[in-house]
């Protein structure tokens, strides 16, 4: 059941919304706000840890003042960096364990690391409230996600048009939602979108970025890597940024291989090597698949491509990057 569907039942005293997909997190908060208004929470107080005058003690003061005029209140706590610290953790633990009367508390954060999800305050939020994680929609799930959004606007789409739509908005849910809103204005309810209509209406807003490319070649997905490289080049991406990212990833794999050889676990070096997001899943298999000797040779190839970019050596930098990534993905 979608998050919004859970709001039809009596609301919990506390909600924690976190995750790396901004659109889904924003929509979850909007849905919760709407539900609180419908159920009589007419007062809203918002606090952000980024505000210069912010103090965690003020949160407890706001919670203690609830019910003073017998009005239901929505208390929003935004922590943009996802790190409440000890003071914030203590406050969140108190709010979760002892919910203030006549108040619904919602905590909004980005994606939380494993260590944060193992904290006492997170456990208390999960036990006494509702935790919603706004996870990215992967390439495999994106067509179904798009179709559901279109159906919610009383539109449908044929298979070819759906494939085109998904390819053009991949990695950018906000752009996908905006395109769906645009289509709802262009076509009447009950309309079945065709390939030609999708080609004319849907902008090519796929976010083919270096982070997706990193995950693709580490997973050994040669076809996906080639597709991303072609798109990056077509979009005018500078090879210098791509080469820097590639070099950093190779160094990370070399350091990860050394750590694993010493008997250390992936989790013990996760933060040290910045194995966050997809990289925590794609880097270990890549380190096992690609030998240290090959990785060292790849770094030397990166140095040669860097000289090509700077004009100190003949050759096409893009061709060199494509060949190198194909070898690493193989």
C-alpha atoms as a PDB file:
ATOM      1  CA  UNK A   1       0.000   0.000   0.000  1.00  0.00           C
ATOM      2  CA  UNK A   2       1.258   3.465  -0.883  1.00  0.00           C
ATOM      3  CA  UNK A   3       2.069   5.841   1.938  1.00  0.00           C
ATOM      4  CA  UNK A   4      -0.962   8.028   1.183  1.00  0.00           C
ATOM      5  CA  UNK A   5      -3.218   4.981   1.512  1.00  0.00           C
ATOM      6  CA  UNK A   6      -2.105   4.460   5.101  1.00  0.00           C
ATOM      7  CA  UNK A   7      -3.370   7.934   6.008  1.00  0.00           C
ATOM      8  CA  UNK A   8      -7.021   6.928   5.638  1.00  0.00           C
ATOM      9  CA  UNK A   9      -6.835   5.196   9.018  1.00  0.00           C
ATOM     10  CA  UNK A  10      -6.494   7.139  12.291  1.00  0.00           C
ATOM     11  CA  UNK A  11      -3.206   9.012  12.158  1.00  0.00           C
ATOM     12  CA  UNK A  12      -0.231   7.942  14.244  1.00  0.00           C
ATOM     13  CA  UNK A  13       1.239  10.436  16.742  1.00  0.00           C
ATOM     14  CA  UNK A  14       4.588  10.448  14.908  1.00  0.00           C
ATOM     15  CA  UNK A  15       5.882  10.010  11.344  1.00  0.00           C
ATOM     16  CA  UNK A  16       9.467   9.817  10.108  1.00  0.00           C
ATOM     17  CA  UNK A  17       9.889  10.514   6.384  1.00  0.00           C
ATOM     18  CA  UNK A  18      13.347   9.899   4.945  1.00  0.00           C
ATOM     19  CA  UNK A  19      14.957   8.699   1.746  1.00  0.00           C
ATOM     20  CA  UNK A  20      16.983   9.857  -1.218  1.00  0.00           C
ATOM     21  CA  UNK A  21      14.130  10.332  -3.711  1.00  0.00           C
ATOM     22  CA  UNK A  22      13.116  13.964  -3.202  1.00  0.00           C
ATOM     23  CA  UNK A  23       9.867  13.807  -5.160  1.00  0.00           C
ATOM     24  CA  UNK A  24       8.443  10.884  -3.181  1.00  0.00           C
ATOM     25  CA  UNK A  25       9.516  12.398   0.129  1.00  0.00           C
ATOM     26  CA  UNK A  26       7.910  15.746  -0.755  1.00  0.00           C
ATOM     27  CA  UNK A  27       4.711  14.058  -1.910  1.00  0.00           C
ATOM     28  CA  UNK A  28       4.547  11.984   1.282  1.00  0.00           C
ATOM     29  CA  UNK A  29       4.806  15.155   3.372  1.00  0.00           C
ATOM     30  CA  UNK A  30       2.135  16.875   1.255  1.00  0.00           C
ATOM     31  CA  UNK A  31      -0.191  13.890   1.688  1.00  0.00           C
ATOM     32  CA  UNK A  32       0.369  13.886   5.441  1.00  0.00           C
ATOM     33  CA  UNK A  33      -0.321  17.609   5.668  1.00  0.00           C
ATOM     34  CA  UNK A  34      -3.569  17.163   3.749  1.00  0.00           C
ATOM     35  CA  UNK A  35      -4.619  14.278   6.004  1.00  0.00           C
ATOM     36  CA  UNK A  36      -3.925  16.282   9.155  1.00  0.00           C
ATOM     37  CA  UNK A  37      -6.027  19.197   7.890  1.00  0.00           C
ATOM     38  CA  UNK A  38      -8.911  16.844   7.151  1.00  0.00           C
ATOM     39  CA  UNK A  39      -8.674  15.396  10.645  1.00  0.00           C
ATOM     40  CA  UNK A  40      -8.630  18.749  12.412  1.00  0.00           C
ATOM     41  CA  UNK A  41      -4.940  19.564  12.831  1.00  0.00           C
ATOM     42  CA  UNK A  42      -5.370  23.204  11.931  1.00  0.00           C
ATOM     43  CA  UNK A  43      -2.191  24.578  13.547  1.00  0.00           C
ATOM     44  CA  UNK A  44       1.217  23.890  12.060  1.00  0.00           C
ATOM     45  CA  UNK A  45       4.651  24.705  13.469  1.00  0.00           C
ATOM     46  CA  UNK A  46       7.764  24.127  11.389  1.00  0.00           C
ATOM     47  CA  UNK A  47      11.354  23.880  12.616  1.00  0.00           C
ATOM     48  CA  UNK A  48      14.510  23.329  10.563  1.00  0.00           C
ATOM     49  CA  UNK A  49      17.932  22.473  11.954  1.00  0.00           C
ATOM     50  CA  UNK A  50      19.435  24.716   9.254  1.00  0.00           C
ATOM     51  CA  UNK A  51      17.844  27.858  10.655  1.00  0.00           C
ATOM     52  CA  UNK A  52      20.463  30.081  12.397  1.00  0.00           C
ATOM     53  CA  UNK A  53      18.369  30.382  15.561  1.00  0.00           C
ATOM     54  CA  UNK A  54      17.415  26.711  15.752  1.00  0.00           C
ATOM     55  CA  UNK A  55      17.696  25.005  19.115  1.00  0.00           C
ATOM     56  CA  UNK A  56      16.557  21.468  19.873  1.00  0.00           C
ATOM     57  CA  UNK A  57      15.245  22.619  23.254  1.00  0.00           C
ATOM     58  CA  UNK A  58      12.714  24.769  21.400  1.00  0.00           C
ATOM     59  CA  UNK A  59      11.196  21.579  19.990  1.00  0.00           C
ATOM     60  CA  UNK A  60      10.446  20.259  23.447  1.00  0.00           C
ATOM     61  CA  UNK A  61       9.011  23.648  24.381  1.00  0.00           C
ATOM     62  CA  UNK A  62       6.724  23.574  21.350  1.00  0.00           C
ATOM     63  CA  UNK A  63       5.639  20.040  22.216  1.00  0.00           C
ATOM     64  CA  UNK A  64       4.930  21.004  25.839  1.00  0.00           C
ATOM     65  CA  UNK A  65       2.738  23.901  24.734  1.00  0.00           C
ATOM     66  CA  UNK A  66       0.465  21.704  22.650  1.00  0.00           C
ATOM     67  CA  UNK A  67      -3.122  21.500  23.692  1.00  0.00           C
ATOM     68  CA  UNK A  68      -2.992  24.869  25.420  1.00  0.00           C
ATOM     69  CA  UNK A  69      -6.008  26.081  23.472  1.00  0.00           C
ATOM     70  CA  UNK A  70      -7.446  22.606  22.801  1.00  0.00           C
ATOM     71  CA  UNK A  71      -6.366  22.801  19.138  1.00  0.00           C
ATOM     72  CA  UNK A  72      -4.733  19.917  17.316  1.00  0.00           C
ATOM     73  CA  UNK A  73      -1.279  20.768  16.013  1.00  0.00           C
ATOM     74  CA  UNK A  74       1.104  19.463  13.345  1.00  0.00           C
ATOM     75  CA  UNK A  75       4.724  19.763  14.491  1.00  0.00           C
ATOM     76  CA  UNK A  76       7.224  19.528  11.588  1.00  0.00           C
ATOM     77  CA  UNK A  77      10.913  18.938  12.261  1.00  0.00           C
ATOM     78  CA  UNK A  78      13.193  19.162   9.220  1.00  0.00           C
ATOM     79  CA  UNK A  79      16.778  17.877   9.465  1.00  0.00           C
ATOM     80  CA  UNK A  80      18.227  18.471   5.942  1.00  0.00           C
ATOM     81  CA  UNK A  81      21.597  16.862   6.685  1.00  0.00           C
ATOM     82  CA  UNK A  82      20.009  13.854   8.386  1.00  0.00           C
ATOM     83  CA  UNK A  83      22.226  14.216  11.441  1.00  0.00           C
ATOM     84  CA  UNK A  84      20.394  15.296  14.583  1.00  0.00           C
ATOM     85  CA  UNK A  85      23.457  14.717  16.766  1.00  0.00           C
ATOM     86  CA  UNK A  86      23.214  13.716  20.423  1.00  0.00           C
ATOM     87  CA  UNK A  87      21.032  16.664  21.423  1.00  0.00           C
ATOM     88  CA  UNK A  88      18.637  16.069  18.556  1.00  0.00           C
ATOM     89  CA  UNK A  89      18.651  12.323  19.064  1.00  0.00           C
ATOM     90  CA  UNK A  90      17.644  12.783  22.697  1.00  0.00           C
ATOM     91  CA  UNK A  91      14.794  15.097  21.696  1.00  0.00           C
ATOM     92  CA  UNK A  92      13.528  12.735  18.984  1.00  0.00           C
ATOM     93  CA  UNK A  93      13.717   9.809  21.403  1.00  0.00           C
ATOM     94  CA  UNK A  94      11.645  11.768  23.934  1.00  0.00           C
ATOM     95  CA  UNK A  95       9.041  12.713  21.327  1.00  0.00           C
ATOM     96  CA  UNK A  96       8.763   9.120  20.124  1.00  0.00           C
ATOM     97  CA  UNK A  97       8.549   7.576  23.588  1.00  0.00           C
ATOM     98  CA  UNK A  98       6.266  10.246  25.053  1.00  0.00           C
ATOM     99  CA  UNK A  99       4.169  11.747  22.233  1.00  0.00           C
ATOM    100  CA  UNK A 100       2.792  15.159  23.253  1.00  0.00           C
ATOM    101  CA  UNK A 101      -1.007  15.338  23.503  1.00  0.00           C
ATOM    102  CA  UNK A 102      -3.060  16.808  20.657  1.00  0.00           C
ATOM    103  CA  UNK A 103       0.066  16.896  18.464  1.00  0.00           C
ATOM    104  CA  UNK A 104       1.188  14.962  15.409  1.00  0.00           C
ATOM    105  CA  UNK A 105       4.949  15.114  14.921  1.00  0.00           C
ATOM    106  CA  UNK A 106       6.565  14.574  11.523  1.00  0.00           C
ATOM    107  CA  UNK A 107      10.351  14.360  11.115  1.00  0.00           C
ATOM    108  CA  UNK A 108      11.733  14.888   7.611  1.00  0.00           C
ATOM    109  CA  UNK A 109      15.251  13.763   6.670  1.00  0.00           C
ATOM    110  CA  UNK A 110      17.238  12.628   3.627  1.00  0.00           C
ATOM    111  CA  UNK A 111      18.374   9.001   3.275  1.00  0.00           C
ATOM    112  CA  UNK A 112      19.616   7.706   6.625  1.00  0.00           C
ATOM    113  CA  UNK A 113      22.738   5.580   6.920  1.00  0.00           C
ATOM    114  CA  UNK A 114      22.668   2.188   8.602  1.00  0.00           C
ATOM    115  CA  UNK A 115      24.214   3.570  11.803  1.00  0.00           C
ATOM    116  CA  UNK A 116      21.397   6.121  12.091  1.00  0.00           C
ATOM    117  CA  UNK A 117      18.781   3.446  11.498  1.00  0.00           C
ATOM    118  CA  UNK A 118      20.284   1.485  14.389  1.00  0.00           C
ATOM    119  CA  UNK A 119      19.998   4.419  16.806  1.00  0.00           C
ATOM    120  CA  UNK A 120      17.640   4.457  19.788  1.00  0.00           C
ATOM    121  CA  UNK A 121      15.633   7.377  18.447  1.00  0.00           C
ATOM    122  CA  UNK A 122      15.054   5.651  15.092  1.00  0.00           C
ATOM    123  CA  UNK A 123      13.958   2.436  16.828  1.00  0.00           C
ATOM    124  CA  UNK A 124      11.547   4.413  18.991  1.00  0.00           C
ATOM    125  CA  UNK A 125      10.093   6.158  15.927  1.00  0.00           C
ATOM    126  CA  UNK A 126       9.587   2.810  14.195  1.00  0.00           C
ATOM    127  CA  UNK A 127       7.984   1.281  17.289  1.00  0.00           C
ATOM    128  CA  UNK A 128       5.626   4.106  18.211  1.00  0.00           C
ATOM    129  CA  UNK A 129       5.034   5.777  14.851  1.00  0.00           C
ATOM    130  CA  UNK A 130       5.333   5.237  11.102  1.00  0.00           C
ATOM    131  CA  UNK A 131       8.623   5.283   9.174  1.00  0.00           C
ATOM    132  CA  UNK A 132       8.448   5.872   5.426  1.00  0.00           C
ATOM    133  CA  UNK A 133      11.530   5.617   3.194  1.00  0.00           C
ATOM    134  CA  UNK A 134      11.368   7.378  -0.175  1.00  0.00           C
ATOM    135  CA  UNK A 135      13.399   4.918  -2.224  1.00  0.00           C
ATOM    136  CA  UNK A 136      14.519   5.603  -5.801  1.00  0.00           C
ATOM    137  CA  UNK A 137      12.464   3.970  -8.536  1.00  0.00           C
ATOM    138  CA  UNK A 138      14.813   1.723 -10.513  1.00  0.00           C
ATOM    139  CA  UNK A 139      14.838   1.282 -14.270  1.00  0.00           C
ATOM    140  CA  UNK A 140      12.918  -1.997 -14.015  1.00  0.00           C
ATOM    141  CA  UNK A 141      10.140  -0.485 -11.888  1.00  0.00           C
ATOM    142  CA  UNK A 142       9.923   2.855 -13.702  1.00  0.00           C
ATOM    143  CA  UNK A 143       7.465   1.847 -16.506  1.00  0.00           C
ATOM    144  CA  UNK A 144       4.936   0.520 -13.971  1.00  0.00           C
ATOM    145  CA  UNK A 145       5.398   3.675 -11.869  1.00  0.00           C
ATOM    146  CA  UNK A 146       4.733   5.871 -14.908  1.00  0.00           C
ATOM    147  CA  UNK A 147       1.643   3.874 -15.898  1.00  0.00           C
ATOM    148  CA  UNK A 148       0.194   4.156 -12.375  1.00  0.00           C
ATOM    149  CA  UNK A 149       0.717   7.916 -12.381  1.00  0.00           C
ATOM    150  CA  UNK A 150      -0.923   8.235 -15.797  1.00  0.00           C
ATOM    151  CA  UNK A 151      -3.846   6.036 -14.725  1.00  0.00           C
ATOM    152  CA  UNK A 152      -4.342   8.266 -11.677  1.00  0.00           C
ATOM    153  CA  UNK A 153      -4.842  11.126 -14.151  1.00  0.00           C
ATOM    154  CA  UNK A 154      -7.302   9.016 -16.209  1.00  0.00           C
ATOM    155  CA  UNK A 155      -4.792   8.451 -18.998  1.00  0.00           C
ATOM    156  CA  UNK A 156      -3.324   5.237 -20.429  1.00  0.00           C
ATOM    157  CA  UNK A 157      -0.317   4.525 -22.633  1.00  0.00           C
ATOM    158  CA  UNK A 158       0.612   1.801 -25.094  1.00  0.00           C
ATOM    159  CA  UNK A 159       3.706  -0.357 -24.663  1.00  0.00           C
ATOM    160  CA  UNK A 160       5.999   1.369 -27.162  1.00  0.00           C
ATOM    161  CA  UNK A 161       5.097   4.810 -25.885  1.00  0.00           C
ATOM    162  CA  UNK A 162       5.699   3.677 -22.303  1.00  0.00           C
ATOM    163  CA  UNK A 163       9.175   2.384 -23.173  1.00  0.00           C
ATOM    164  CA  UNK A 164      10.051   5.689 -24.825  1.00  0.00           C
ATOM    165  CA  UNK A 165       8.667   7.665 -21.877  1.00  0.00           C
ATOM    166  CA  UNK A 166      10.701   5.626 -19.375  1.00  0.00           C
ATOM    167  CA  UNK A 167      13.922   5.971 -21.372  1.00  0.00           C
ATOM    168  CA  UNK A 168      13.533   9.754 -21.612  1.00  0.00           C
ATOM    169  CA  UNK A 169      12.877  10.417 -17.926  1.00  0.00           C
ATOM    170  CA  UNK A 170      15.070   7.714 -16.413  1.00  0.00           C
ATOM    171  CA  UNK A 171      16.696   8.761 -13.144  1.00  0.00           C
ATOM    172  CA  UNK A 172      14.578  11.892 -12.810  1.00  0.00           C
ATOM    173  CA  UNK A 173      11.228  11.254 -11.129  1.00  0.00           C
ATOM    174  CA  UNK A 174      10.488  14.945 -10.757  1.00  0.00           C
ATOM    175  CA  UNK A 175      10.779  15.404 -14.516  1.00  0.00           C
ATOM    176  CA  UNK A 176       8.592  12.337 -15.058  1.00  0.00           C
ATOM    177  CA  UNK A 177       5.881  13.748 -12.772  1.00  0.00           C
ATOM    178  CA  UNK A 178       6.037  17.098 -14.574  1.00  0.00           C
ATOM    179  CA  UNK A 179       5.690  15.401 -17.968  1.00  0.00           C
ATOM    180  CA  UNK A 180       2.662  13.442 -16.728  1.00  0.00           C
ATOM    181  CA  UNK A 181       1.064  16.671 -15.494  1.00  0.00           C
ATOM    182  CA  UNK A 182       1.683  18.182 -18.923  1.00  0.00           C
ATOM    183  CA  UNK A 183       0.125  15.203 -20.704  1.00  0.00           C
ATOM    184  CA  UNK A 184      -2.955  15.454 -18.471  1.00  0.00           C
ATOM    185  CA  UNK A 185      -3.436  18.996 -19.757  1.00  0.00           C
ATOM    186  CA  UNK A 186      -2.855  18.072 -23.398  1.00  0.00           C
ATOM    187  CA  UNK A 187      -5.140  15.042 -23.685  1.00  0.00           C
ATOM    188  CA  UNK A 188      -8.705  14.268 -22.519  1.00  0.00           C
ATOM    189  CA  UNK A 189      -9.529  11.753 -19.805  1.00  0.00           C
ATOM    190  CA  UNK A 190      -9.544   8.158 -21.020  1.00  0.00           C
ATOM    191  CA  UNK A 191      -7.043   8.894 -23.807  1.00  0.00           C
ATOM    192  CA  UNK A 192      -4.541   6.185 -24.806  1.00  0.00           C
ATOM    193  CA  UNK A 193      -1.153   7.754 -25.530  1.00  0.00           C
ATOM    194  CA  UNK A 194       0.563   6.484 -28.660  1.00  0.00           C
ATOM    195  CA  UNK A 195       4.235   6.372 -29.544  1.00  0.00           C
ATOM    196  CA  UNK A 196       3.943   9.391 -31.837  1.00  0.00           C
ATOM    197  CA  UNK A 197       2.216  11.421 -29.118  1.00  0.00           C
ATOM    198  CA  UNK A 198       4.851  10.454 -26.558  1.00  0.00           C
ATOM    199  CA  UNK A 199       7.632  11.439 -28.956  1.00  0.00           C
ATOM    200  CA  UNK A 200       6.071  14.865 -29.453  1.00  0.00           C
ATOM    201  CA  UNK A 201       5.146  15.525 -25.852  1.00  0.00           C
ATOM    202  CA  UNK A 202       7.789  14.007 -23.617  1.00  0.00           C
ATOM    203  CA  UNK A 203      11.062  15.906 -23.286  1.00  0.00           C
ATOM    204  CA  UNK A 204      14.348  14.028 -23.249  1.00  0.00           C
ATOM    205  CA  UNK A 205      15.140  14.703 -19.607  1.00  0.00           C
ATOM    206  CA  UNK A 206      16.925  11.495 -18.625  1.00  0.00           C
ATOM    207  CA  UNK A 207      19.578  12.166 -16.041  1.00  0.00           C
ATOM    208  CA  UNK A 208      22.388  10.046 -17.450  1.00  0.00           C
ATOM    209  CA  UNK A 209      25.014  11.005 -14.922  1.00  0.00           C
ATOM    210  CA  UNK A 210      28.370   9.745 -13.834  1.00  0.00           C
ATOM    211  CA  UNK A 211      26.942   8.143 -10.703  1.00  0.00           C
ATOM    212  CA  UNK A 212      24.717   5.822 -12.723  1.00  0.00           C
ATOM    213  CA  UNK A 213      27.678   5.032 -14.961  1.00  0.00           C
ATOM    214  CA  UNK A 214      29.788   4.145 -11.939  1.00  0.00           C
ATOM    215  CA  UNK A 215      27.242   1.594 -10.746  1.00  0.00           C
ATOM    216  CA  UNK A 216      26.801   0.153 -14.246  1.00  0.00           C
ATOM    217  CA  UNK A 217      30.440  -0.693 -14.972  1.00  0.00           C
ATOM    218  CA  UNK A 218      31.044  -1.924 -11.436  1.00  0.00           C
ATOM    219  CA  UNK A 219      28.106  -4.325 -11.858  1.00  0.00           C
ATOM    220  CA  UNK A 220      29.621  -5.547 -15.106  1.00  0.00           C
ATOM    221  CA  UNK A 221      26.745  -4.238 -17.223  1.00  0.00           C
ATOM    222  CA  UNK A 222      28.543  -3.528 -20.502  1.00  0.00           C
ATOM    223  CA  UNK A 223      25.430  -2.592 -22.486  1.00  0.00           C
ATOM    224  CA  UNK A 224      24.177  -0.185 -19.836  1.00  0.00           C
ATOM    225  CA  UNK A 225      27.633   1.386 -19.503  1.00  0.00           C
ATOM    226  CA  UNK A 226      27.838   1.971 -23.248  1.00  0.00           C
ATOM    227  CA  UNK A 227      24.354   3.530 -23.304  1.00  0.00           C
ATOM    228  CA  UNK A 228      25.194   5.911 -20.467  1.00  0.00           C
ATOM    229  CA  UNK A 229      28.489   6.929 -22.073  1.00  0.00           C
ATOM    230  CA  UNK A 230      26.800   7.685 -25.393  1.00  0.00           C
ATOM    231  CA  UNK A 231      24.178   9.791 -23.626  1.00  0.00           C
ATOM    232  CA  UNK A 232      26.730  11.699 -21.563  1.00  0.00           C
ATOM    233  CA  UNK A 233      28.727  12.486 -24.692  1.00  0.00           C
ATOM    234  CA  UNK A 234      25.603  13.532 -26.608  1.00  0.00           C
ATOM    235  CA  UNK A 235      24.605  15.852 -23.749  1.00  0.00           C
ATOM    236  CA  UNK A 236      27.972  17.615 -23.988  1.00  0.00           C
ATOM    237  CA  UNK A 237      29.430  16.279 -20.740  1.00  0.00           C
ATOM    238  CA  UNK A 238      33.099  17.213 -20.339  1.00  0.00           C
ATOM    239  CA  UNK A 239      35.376  14.136 -20.286  1.00  0.00           C
ATOM    240  CA  UNK A 240      37.515  15.671 -17.540  1.00  0.00           C
ATOM    241  CA  UNK A 241      34.728  15.253 -14.944  1.00  0.00           C
ATOM    242  CA  UNK A 242      33.998  11.746 -16.122  1.00  0.00           C
ATOM    243  CA  UNK A 243      37.680  10.798 -15.976  1.00  0.00           C
ATOM    244  CA  UNK A 244      38.017  12.204 -12.465  1.00  0.00           C
ATOM    245  CA  UNK A 245      35.036  10.148 -11.271  1.00  0.00           C
ATOM    246  CA  UNK A 246      36.364   7.024 -12.962  1.00  0.00           C
ATOM    247  CA  UNK A 247      39.817   7.467 -11.429  1.00  0.00           C
ATOM    248  CA  UNK A 248      38.321   7.929  -7.960  1.00  0.00           C
ATOM    249  CA  UNK A 249      36.229   4.775  -8.353  1.00  0.00           C
ATOM    250  CA  UNK A 250      39.275   2.767  -9.424  1.00  0.00           C
ATOM    251  CA  UNK A 251      41.262   4.010  -6.411  1.00  0.00           C
ATOM    252  CA  UNK A 252      38.320   3.080  -4.187  1.00  0.00           C
ATOM    253  CA  UNK A 253      38.327  -0.471  -5.556  1.00  0.00           C
ATOM    254  CA  UNK A 254      42.086  -0.766  -5.008  1.00  0.00           C
ATOM    255  CA  UNK A 255      41.703   0.327  -1.392  1.00  0.00           C
ATOM    256  CA  UNK A 256      38.685  -1.948  -0.911  1.00  0.00           C
ATOM    257  CA  UNK A 257      40.598  -4.937  -2.298  1.00  0.00           C
ATOM    258  CA  UNK A 258      43.467  -4.259   0.104  1.00  0.00           C
ATOM    259  CA  UNK A 259      41.088  -3.926   3.055  1.00  0.00           C
ATOM    260  CA  UNK A 260      39.290  -7.177   2.238  1.00  0.00           C
ATOM    261  CA  UNK A 261      42.624  -8.970   1.856  1.00  0.00           C
ATOM    262  CA  UNK A 262      43.511  -7.813   5.380  1.00  0.00           C
ATOM    263  CA  UNK A 263      40.346  -9.444   6.695  1.00  0.00           C
ATOM    264  CA  UNK A 264      38.314  -6.269   7.145  1.00  0.00           C
ATOM    265  CA  UNK A 265      34.604  -6.293   6.309  1.00  0.00           C
ATOM    266  CA  UNK A 266      32.862  -4.076   3.778  1.00  0.00           C
ATOM    267  CA  UNK A 267      30.811  -2.480   6.562  1.00  0.00           C
ATOM    268  CA  UNK A 268      33.930  -1.554   8.533  1.00  0.00           C
ATOM    269  CA  UNK A 269      35.331   0.488   5.613  1.00  0.00           C
ATOM    270  CA  UNK A 270      32.006   1.710   4.189  1.00  0.00           C
ATOM    271  CA  UNK A 271      32.213   5.260   5.481  1.00  0.00           C
ATOM    272  CA  UNK A 272      35.976   5.473   5.099  1.00  0.00           C
ATOM    273  CA  UNK A 273      35.731   4.616   1.381  1.00  0.00           C
ATOM    274  CA  UNK A 274      32.402   6.447   0.893  1.00  0.00           C
ATOM    275  CA  UNK A 275      30.598   3.312  -0.223  1.00  0.00           C
ATOM    276  CA  UNK A 276      27.183   4.932  -0.107  1.00  0.00           C
ATOM    277  CA  UNK A 277      24.026   4.385  -2.119  1.00  0.00           C
ATOM    278  CA  UNK A 278      24.340   1.866  -4.956  1.00  0.00           C
ATOM    279  CA  UNK A 279      28.098   1.787  -4.564  1.00  0.00           C
ATOM    280  CA  UNK A 280      27.917  -0.201  -1.325  1.00  0.00           C
ATOM    281  CA  UNK A 281      26.340  -3.035  -3.362  1.00  0.00           C
ATOM    282  CA  UNK A 282      28.235  -2.692  -6.649  1.00  0.00           C
ATOM    283  CA  UNK A 283      31.785  -2.056  -5.384  1.00  0.00           C
ATOM    284  CA  UNK A 284      32.440  -5.337  -3.466  1.00  0.00           C
ATOM    285  CA  UNK A 285      31.628  -7.613  -6.438  1.00  0.00           C
ATOM    286  CA  UNK A 286      33.701  -5.343  -8.684  1.00  0.00           C
ATOM    287  CA  UNK A 287      36.667  -5.584  -6.297  1.00  0.00           C
ATOM    288  CA  UNK A 288      36.355  -9.360  -6.380  1.00  0.00           C
ATOM    289  CA  UNK A 289      36.018  -9.467 -10.182  1.00  0.00           C
ATOM    290  CA  UNK A 290      38.790  -7.048 -11.173  1.00  0.00           C
ATOM    291  CA  UNK A 291      42.297  -7.894  -9.962  1.00  0.00           C
ATOM    292  CA  UNK A 292      44.505  -5.242  -8.317  1.00  0.00           C
ATOM    293  CA  UNK A 293      46.888  -5.533 -11.263  1.00  0.00           C
ATOM    294  CA  UNK A 294      44.110  -4.681 -13.723  1.00  0.00           C
ATOM    295  CA  UNK A 295      42.980  -1.797 -11.542  1.00  0.00           C
ATOM    296  CA  UNK A 296      46.523  -0.419 -11.383  1.00  0.00           C
ATOM    297  CA  UNK A 297      46.792  -0.688 -15.165  1.00  0.00           C
ATOM    298  CA  UNK A 298      43.454   1.113 -15.466  1.00  0.00           C
ATOM    299  CA  UNK A 299      44.796   3.984 -13.366  1.00  0.00           C
ATOM    300  CA  UNK A 300      47.776   4.256 -15.693  1.00  0.00           C
ATOM    301  CA  UNK A 301      45.346   4.378 -18.619  1.00  0.00           C
ATOM    302  CA  UNK A 302      43.455   7.190 -16.852  1.00  0.00           C
ATOM    303  CA  UNK A 303      46.715   9.139 -16.678  1.00  0.00           C
ATOM    304  CA  UNK A 304      47.204   8.666 -20.422  1.00  0.00           C
ATOM    305  CA  UNK A 305      43.644   9.853 -21.158  1.00  0.00           C
ATOM    306  CA  UNK A 306      44.262  12.878 -18.924  1.00  0.00           C
ATOM    307  CA  UNK A 307      47.247  13.809 -21.096  1.00  0.00           C
ATOM    308  CA  UNK A 308      44.999  13.527 -24.166  1.00  0.00           C
ATOM    309  CA  UNK A 309      42.483  15.909 -22.610  1.00  0.00           C
ATOM    310  CA  UNK A 310      45.271  18.393 -21.891  1.00  0.00           C
ATOM    311  CA  UNK A 311      46.663  18.075 -25.434  1.00  0.00           C
ATOM    312  CA  UNK A 312      49.958  16.575 -24.264  1.00  0.00           C
ATOM    313  CA  UNK A 313      49.335  13.325 -26.133  1.00  0.00           C
ATOM    314  CA  UNK A 314      47.533  12.401 -29.342  1.00  0.00           C
ATOM    315  CA  UNK A 315      44.265  10.509 -29.202  1.00  0.00           C
ATOM    316  CA  UNK A 316      40.562  10.979 -28.492  1.00  0.00           C
ATOM    317  CA  UNK A 317      39.750  11.092 -24.777  1.00  0.00           C
ATOM    318  CA  UNK A 318      36.160   9.898 -25.231  1.00  0.00           C
ATOM    319  CA  UNK A 319      37.279   6.852 -27.207  1.00  0.00           C
ATOM    320  CA  UNK A 320      39.832   6.061 -24.513  1.00  0.00           C
ATOM    321  CA  UNK A 321      37.245   6.320 -21.734  1.00  0.00           C
ATOM    322  CA  UNK A 322      34.804   4.081 -23.623  1.00  0.00           C
ATOM    323  CA  UNK A 323      37.433   1.393 -24.212  1.00  0.00           C
ATOM    324  CA  UNK A 324      38.620   1.519 -20.609  1.00  0.00           C
ATOM    325  CA  UNK A 325      35.132   1.244 -19.113  1.00  0.00           C
ATOM    326  CA  UNK A 326      34.276  -1.613 -21.504  1.00  0.00           C
ATOM    327  CA  UNK A 327      37.344  -3.503 -20.229  1.00  0.00           C
ATOM    328  CA  UNK A 328      36.478  -2.800 -16.599  1.00  0.00           C
ATOM    329  CA  UNK A 329      32.878  -3.897 -17.100  1.00  0.00           C
ATOM    330  CA  UNK A 330      33.867  -7.079 -18.963  1.00  0.00           C
END
